[in-house]
Amino acid sequence: MHPVHAFLRGSEKMTRSKIGVSVRTELVDELDTLVDECSDLGASRSEVVEAILTAYLQGDEQTIRKTRELVIRNRKRSD
């Protein structure tokens, strides 16, 4: 099991870390749409991003491969 998967499944109280990220404007627009769709929950951007990351990292064993492919594709798009 990947260490991140083990951590996410643990029952310990999770500490929080603030990170700064730079993402494409289109992704921010999609994120804001998700936040709007969760307005009844009063979810913040941070909560939605954390939920997305948790779901992604708890996914199948192909997570690393998918991540690498996305990094390569995004770099080619930026060139």
N, C-alpha and C. Protein backbone atom coordinates (compact mmCIF):
# COMPACT_ATOMS: atom_id res chain seq x y z
N MET A 1 0.85 -1.18 0.00
CA MET A 1 0.00 0.00 0.00
C MET A 1 0.90 1.24 0.00
N HIS A 2 0.51 2.19 -0.81
CA HIS A 2 1.25 3.45 -0.89
C HIS A 2 1.15 4.16 0.46
N PRO A 3 2.25 4.78 0.94
CA PRO A 3 2.22 5.46 2.25
C PRO A 3 1.11 6.51 2.38
N VAL A 4 0.81 7.22 1.31
CA VAL A 4 -0.25 8.23 1.37
C VAL A 4 -1.59 7.55 1.59
N HIS A 5 -1.82 6.41 0.93
CA HIS A 5 -3.09 5.69 1.11
C HIS A 5 -3.22 5.24 2.56
N ALA A 6 -2.15 4.73 3.14
CA ALA A 6 -2.19 4.30 4.54
C ALA A 6 -2.49 5.48 5.45
N PHE A 7 -1.88 6.62 5.17
CA PHE A 7 -2.10 7.81 5.99
C PHE A 7 -3.56 8.26 5.91
N LEU A 8 -4.10 8.28 4.69
CA LEU A 8 -5.46 8.75 4.50
C LEU A 8 -6.48 7.84 5.15
N ARG A 9 -6.15 6.57 5.30
CA ARG A 9 -7.08 5.62 5.91
C ARG A 9 -6.93 5.58 7.43
N GLY A 10 -5.89 6.22 7.95
CA GLY A 10 -5.65 6.20 9.39
C GLY A 10 -6.73 6.92 10.16
N SER A 11 -6.82 6.61 11.45
CA SER A 11 -7.86 7.21 12.27
C SER A 11 -7.32 8.37 13.10
N GLU A 12 -6.04 8.68 12.96
CA GLU A 12 -5.46 9.79 13.72
C GLU A 12 -6.01 11.12 13.22
N LYS A 13 -6.04 12.09 14.12
CA LYS A 13 -6.46 13.43 13.73
C LYS A 13 -5.40 14.00 12.79
N MET A 14 -5.85 14.52 11.67
CA MET A 14 -4.92 15.04 10.68
C MET A 14 -4.57 16.49 11.00
N THR A 15 -3.28 16.80 10.89
CA THR A 15 -2.84 18.19 11.01
C THR A 15 -2.98 18.84 9.65
N ARG A 16 -2.98 20.13 9.62
CA ARG A 16 -3.15 20.88 8.38
C ARG A 16 -1.84 21.58 8.01
N SER A 17 -1.58 21.65 6.73
CA SER A 17 -0.45 22.40 6.19
C SER A 17 -0.98 23.31 5.10
N LYS A 18 -0.52 24.55 5.10
CA LYS A 18 -0.90 25.48 4.04
C LYS A 18 0.14 25.38 2.94
N ILE A 19 -0.35 25.28 1.71
CA ILE A 19 0.55 25.24 0.56
C ILE A 19 0.03 26.24 -0.47
N GLY A 20 0.94 26.81 -1.20
CA GLY A 20 0.56 27.71 -2.27
C GLY A 20 0.73 26.98 -3.60
N VAL A 21 -0.25 27.07 -4.44
CA VAL A 21 -0.18 26.41 -5.74
C VAL A 21 -0.58 27.38 -6.83
N SER A 22 -0.05 27.14 -8.01
CA SER A 22 -0.42 27.92 -9.18
C SER A 22 -1.06 26.95 -10.17
N VAL A 23 -2.28 27.26 -10.58
CA VAL A 23 -3.00 26.37 -11.50
C VAL A 23 -3.57 27.19 -12.65
N ARG A 24 -3.88 26.49 -13.74
CA ARG A 24 -4.45 27.15 -14.90
C ARG A 24 -5.80 27.78 -14.53
N THR A 25 -6.10 28.90 -15.15
CA THR A 25 -7.34 29.63 -14.89
C THR A 25 -8.57 28.75 -15.12
N GLU A 26 -8.51 27.88 -16.14
CA GLU A 26 -9.65 27.01 -16.42
C GLU A 26 -9.95 26.09 -15.23
N LEU A 27 -8.89 25.63 -14.56
CA LEU A 27 -9.08 24.76 -13.41
C LEU A 27 -9.68 25.52 -12.23
N VAL A 28 -9.27 26.77 -12.07
CA VAL A 28 -9.85 27.59 -11.00
C VAL A 28 -11.33 27.80 -11.28
N ASP A 29 -11.68 28.03 -12.54
CA ASP A 29 -13.09 28.20 -12.91
C ASP A 29 -13.89 26.93 -12.58
N GLU A 30 -13.32 25.77 -12.90
CA GLU A 30 -13.99 24.49 -12.59
C GLU A 30 -14.08 24.29 -11.08
N LEU A 31 -13.04 24.65 -10.37
CA LEU A 31 -13.05 24.55 -8.91
C LEU A 31 -14.15 25.43 -8.32
N ASP A 32 -14.25 26.65 -8.81
CA ASP A 32 -15.28 27.56 -8.32
C ASP A 32 -16.68 27.01 -8.61
N THR A 33 -16.84 26.34 -9.75
CA THR A 33 -18.12 25.71 -10.06
C THR A 33 -18.45 24.62 -9.04
N LEU A 34 -17.44 23.82 -8.68
CA LEU A 34 -17.65 22.79 -7.66
C LEU A 34 -17.99 23.40 -6.31
N VAL A 35 -17.31 24.49 -5.97
CA VAL A 35 -17.60 25.18 -4.71
C VAL A 35 -19.04 25.67 -4.72
N ASP A 36 -19.47 26.23 -5.84
CA ASP A 36 -20.86 26.71 -5.96
C ASP A 36 -21.85 25.56 -5.81
N GLU A 37 -21.50 24.39 -6.38
CA GLU A 37 -22.38 23.23 -6.29
C GLU A 37 -22.46 22.68 -4.86
N CYS A 38 -21.49 23.05 -4.03
CA CYS A 38 -21.48 22.63 -2.63
C CYS A 38 -21.89 23.76 -1.70
N SER A 39 -22.57 24.77 -2.25
CA SER A 39 -22.92 25.94 -1.45
C SER A 39 -23.81 25.57 -0.26
N ASP A 40 -24.63 24.54 -0.42
CA ASP A 40 -25.48 24.13 0.69
C ASP A 40 -24.67 23.59 1.87
N LEU A 41 -23.43 23.17 1.59
CA LEU A 41 -22.53 22.69 2.64
C LEU A 41 -21.68 23.82 3.22
N GLY A 42 -21.65 24.95 2.52
CA GLY A 42 -20.78 26.04 2.94
C GLY A 42 -19.32 25.69 2.75
N ALA A 43 -19.03 24.85 1.76
CA ALA A 43 -17.66 24.37 1.52
C ALA A 43 -16.78 25.47 0.93
N SER A 44 -15.57 25.56 1.42
CA SER A 44 -14.60 26.52 0.90
C SER A 44 -13.81 25.87 -0.23
N ARG A 45 -13.05 26.69 -0.95
CA ARG A 45 -12.16 26.15 -1.98
C ARG A 45 -11.22 25.10 -1.38
N SER A 46 -10.66 25.43 -0.22
CA SER A 46 -9.71 24.52 0.42
C SER A 46 -10.35 23.17 0.72
N GLU A 47 -11.58 23.19 1.22
CA GLU A 47 -12.27 21.93 1.52
C GLU A 47 -12.51 21.11 0.26
N VAL A 48 -12.89 21.78 -0.82
CA VAL A 48 -13.15 21.07 -2.06
C VAL A 48 -11.85 20.50 -2.63
N VAL A 49 -10.77 21.29 -2.61
CA VAL A 49 -9.48 20.79 -3.09
C VAL A 49 -9.03 19.60 -2.26
N GLU A 50 -9.19 19.67 -0.94
CA GLU A 50 -8.80 18.55 -0.09
C GLU A 50 -9.63 17.31 -0.41
N ALA A 51 -10.92 17.48 -0.66
CA ALA A 51 -11.78 16.35 -1.01
C ALA A 51 -11.35 15.72 -2.33
N ILE A 52 -11.02 16.57 -3.30
CA ILE A 52 -10.55 16.07 -4.60
C ILE A 52 -9.25 15.29 -4.43
N LEU A 53 -8.30 15.86 -3.70
CA LEU A 53 -7.02 15.18 -3.48
C LEU A 53 -7.21 13.86 -2.73
N THR A 54 -8.06 13.87 -1.72
CA THR A 54 -8.31 12.65 -0.97
C THR A 54 -8.90 11.57 -1.87
N ALA A 55 -9.90 11.93 -2.66
CA ALA A 55 -10.51 10.96 -3.56
C ALA A 55 -9.50 10.44 -4.57
N TYR A 56 -8.68 11.32 -5.10
CA TYR A 56 -7.68 10.92 -6.09
C TYR A 56 -6.63 10.01 -5.48
N LEU A 57 -6.13 10.37 -4.32
CA LEU A 57 -5.06 9.60 -3.71
C LEU A 57 -5.55 8.28 -3.13
N GLN A 58 -6.83 8.15 -2.88
CA GLN A 58 -7.39 6.89 -2.42
C GLN A 58 -7.84 6.02 -3.58
N GLY A 59 -7.59 6.48 -4.78
CA GLY A 59 -8.02 5.76 -5.98
C GLY A 59 -7.21 4.49 -6.19
N ASP A 60 -7.26 4.01 -7.41
CA ASP A 60 -6.60 2.75 -7.73
C ASP A 60 -5.07 2.89 -7.74
N GLU A 61 -4.41 1.79 -7.98
CA GLU A 61 -2.95 1.75 -7.94
C GLU A 61 -2.30 2.45 -9.12
N GLN A 62 -3.07 2.94 -10.05
CA GLN A 62 -2.52 3.61 -11.22
C GLN A 62 -2.36 5.11 -11.00
N THR A 63 -2.53 5.57 -9.78
CA THR A 63 -2.46 7.00 -9.46
C THR A 63 -1.13 7.61 -9.87
N ILE A 64 -0.03 6.96 -9.56
CA ILE A 64 1.28 7.51 -9.90
C ILE A 64 1.43 7.63 -11.41
N ARG A 65 1.01 6.61 -12.14
CA ARG A 65 1.11 6.63 -13.61
C ARG A 65 0.26 7.77 -14.18
N LYS A 66 -0.96 7.91 -13.68
CA LYS A 66 -1.84 8.97 -14.16
C LYS A 66 -1.24 10.34 -13.88
N THR A 67 -0.68 10.51 -12.69
CA THR A 67 -0.09 11.78 -12.31
C THR A 67 1.07 12.13 -13.22
N ARG A 68 1.94 11.16 -13.46
CA ARG A 68 3.08 11.39 -14.35
C ARG A 68 2.61 11.78 -15.76
N GLU A 69 1.60 11.10 -16.27
CA GLU A 69 1.08 11.41 -17.59
C GLU A 69 0.53 12.83 -17.66
N LEU A 70 -0.18 13.23 -16.61
CA LEU A 70 -0.72 14.59 -16.58
C LEU A 70 0.38 15.64 -16.51
N VAL A 71 1.42 15.39 -15.73
CA VAL A 71 2.54 16.34 -15.65
C VAL A 71 3.18 16.49 -17.02
N ILE A 72 3.43 15.39 -17.70
CA ILE A 72 4.06 15.43 -19.03
C ILE A 72 3.17 16.17 -20.01
N ARG A 73 1.87 15.84 -20.02
CA ARG A 73 0.93 16.49 -20.94
C ARG A 73 0.86 17.98 -20.68
N ASN A 74 0.79 18.38 -19.42
CA ASN A 74 0.71 19.81 -19.09
C ASN A 74 1.98 20.56 -19.46
N ARG A 75 3.13 19.91 -19.32
CA ARG A 75 4.38 20.56 -19.71
C ARG A 75 4.43 20.77 -21.22
N LYS A 76 3.97 19.78 -21.98
CA LYS A 76 3.95 19.92 -23.44
C LYS A 76 3.00 21.05 -23.85
N ARG A 77 1.88 21.16 -23.15
CA ARG A 77 0.89 22.20 -23.44
C ARG A 77 1.46 23.59 -23.17
N SER A 78 2.35 23.69 -22.16
CA SER A 78 2.94 24.97 -21.78
C SER A 78 4.02 25.44 -22.73
N ASP A 79 4.61 24.50 -23.48
CA ASP A 79 5.72 24.86 -24.39
C ASP A 79 5.25 25.60 -25.60
